[in-house]
Amino acid sequence: MAPEVATGPVWSPAGPPEAVARRRLAAPVVAGTTYALAQAVLLFWWAARYPGLFSPDSLDHVWQATTGDWNTHHPISYTALVWLSIHLTGGVGALTLAQTCALAAGLAYAVTGLRRLGGPTWGWLAAALTVVVLPPVGTFVVCVWKDVPFVICHVFLLGTLARLVARRRDGPLFSRPLFWAALVELTLICLFRQNGFLVVAIVAALVAPLVRGAAVRILLAGVAAASVALLTNWLLLPTLGVRDSDSIVAYEAFLGDLAIGYAQRPAGFPAADVGLLARVAPLAHWRGSADCHTVDPTVYHVDFDRRVAAEHRDEFLSAWRRLAGRDPGTVLRARVCRGSIAWRPTPAGGLRGNPTAWALPVYLERDPRFDRPAIRKVAYSRPLGEPVAELADRLAGRISGPQWLLWRGATWAYLAYLTVGLVAWLRRDRSLLALAALSLGNQLSVLAVNNAQAARYMAAPFVLGVLLLPLALAGRTPPGPDREGPERAGDRPGADPSGGPASSGGWSALRVTDLTVGAGAAAAPAGPPATGVAADPGAANPDGSGPAVRVRPGWRSAGRRRRGRSAR
C-alpha cells in the first residue's frame, strides 16, 4: 500500500468569505445604524420635553450653578455640567441634548460589542431601539439628573466588557485602549453618583475572577477609579472652595431605621436616645411616620427639624449602632424592605417615576430658594411644537404599565441573569457572566443603602437588561472572528496564520494535509475504501484556487478492520 498525501485549501467553519460577508454586516454600518435610529427617537423625546424635565434635585443643581454657592449635597461633576450649559447657552437644553447624543453613542458602542458574542444583528438593533422608544427611558434621558450620565456610563461599560469577553477567544485579552476605556467609565460612575464607589467595588470584585488573564488590570482599574474620585472629593473640591454640605441625605436611612425601631419597641430605647429623638421631632412623629419603604414621611415633615438633626449626626449614628446591636433583626428587615426597588419585581411602597412638566411649578413654589429670576429663566417647560408634545403624551399614557415590566429594574436584572447564565452554561464559558456584574452591582448597592422607592435608582439594570436580551438567540457556538479592526498578525483579515499569502475575500484559507492509506484496485476490499482525505482532480474550490478536498467520514482502513476481527 502506498501512502498518499493530499493537500488543498479548505474554508474555516465560518464558511466561505462571500457567505460570511452576506451574513454579517460590517461593524461600522451596525454602529452607524444603531446611533441614527436611537438618536432620531431621542430627539423626539427631547423636543417634546424641551428643555428638560425637573425634580427638586434638578432645581438644586440649577440653584448652585446660578448662585455660585456650590456644595457636596449633589455630585459636583453634574453641577459643573449644568453650570457649563447655562453659561454657554443660557439654559439646560444643550445639556439634555448632549445626554441624548451620549446615550445614542453608548448604545452603538454596546451593540457592536455585544454582537461579537453572537446573536442576530437585527436582534441587537431591535433591543437598542426598544430602549429609547419606551417612555420610562425616553423621558428619563431628558431629565436634569445626575442619574442620567450614571446610566450612560453603564451602557458604555457594558460594551467594554463585551469586547473583553469576546477577545478571550480571538485576540489579546486586555489591550491598552480597553483598559483606558474601562478606567474612564468606572471613574465617571464614581463621580456621578454617591453610591458609585460601592457599585465599582462590587463590579470589579465580580468581574476579576470571571475573566482569567485580566484580573489584575480589572482590579487596578477599579482601585484607580475609586482613588481618583476620592481624591477629587477630599483634595480638589476643598481647594476650589466647594463647601461640605450640611445635608443629612447620607444619614436619612439611619434615621429611618431609628423611627422603625422606636415605633416597634419604644421601651427598648435608652433614655438618652429618647431624648435625642425628642430634640429633632415629637416622639409621636417618630412613631407615626415610621415606614419601612421610604424615609420621606419621617425626615421631610414640618415637625422634623433637619438643621438640628444635622448638628447631632454623630450622636444619631451612635444611637443607630446601639439599635443595631440590641435588635439587628429590626434593622435588617427595615433595610430589606426599603431596598424593595432593588430586588422586588412586584410593586411595593409606592413608586416614584420620572418628573413631569406639570409638577415643575409646584416644586418652584415649595422651596423659597427657587424663587429667583435666574432659576425661573432656566427651569421651565416649553416643547418645540405642540403636535410633538401631544404625541409624547399619548405614547406615555398608553405605555405606562405594567409597573413590574416598565418601571422596575429588578425584573430586567433577573432577565439579564437568566439570559447570560443560560448562554454561559451552553458554551461552558463563565467569562460571559461578567456581563451580568453591572446589574448585580447596582442591585446590591441600592439594597445596602436606599431612602425611597425611586425607579431611577434601578434605571441602569433596566436598560442593560433590555440590551442583553438578544444574547438568548446567540446559541451554543460562539461566532467566528468578527472584529472592527485587526488585533494581531495571525488574526488580520486576509492573513494566513502560518505566515502564508492571504486568501481571497479577506478570510484565511486552511491547508489540510493528511496521510491517506490506499490500496490498488485488485487488493481493495469489497467494503468501502480506506479512511482518508483525498483530492478530487475533477473538482475545484469555489475560488478556483486548486483541487477541492473531500472528507470521507466513517471509513476505516483495512488494518483497523483486521485488528477488529482478531479481537473478536
Foldseek 3Di string as FASTA:
>chain_A
DDKDKFKDWDFDPLDDLVVNPVQDPALVVLLVVQLVLQLVLLVLLCLLWPLAFEDLVLLVLLLCLVPVQFAVPFQVVLSVVQNVCCVVPVACSVVLNVLSNLLSNLLSLLLSLQPLFFFGSVLLSVLSNVQCLFLLNSRVSRHSALLSVLLSLLSNVLSLLSNQLSCVVPHDRADPVSLVSLLVSLLSNVRSGVLSLLLLVQLLVVQLVQRPPCNVSSVVSSVNSVVVSVCCVPPVCVVVVHYYDLFCVVVLLLLLLVLQLCLVCVVVQDPVVQVLVCVFANNVQSNVQRDLQFSCSRCVDPRGHRNSCSVCVVVSVVSSVVCCVVCVVSSLVSLQNNLCLLAPLDDDDDEAGGGDQVCQVVSCVVDPSNPDPSSVSHDHTDRNDPVSNVVSVVSCVVNVDDCSQRQRLNNLLVLLCVQQVVQCVLQVRSSSCSSSSSSVSLSVSSSVDHGHNYSSSNVNSNSSSSSNNSSSRRDNDTRDDNDNADRDQCRFFQAPNVRDGGDPSRHHIDMDIDIWDFDDPVPADPDDTAADKHWDQVDAPPVRPHTDIDHDPPGHHPVVVVVVVVVD
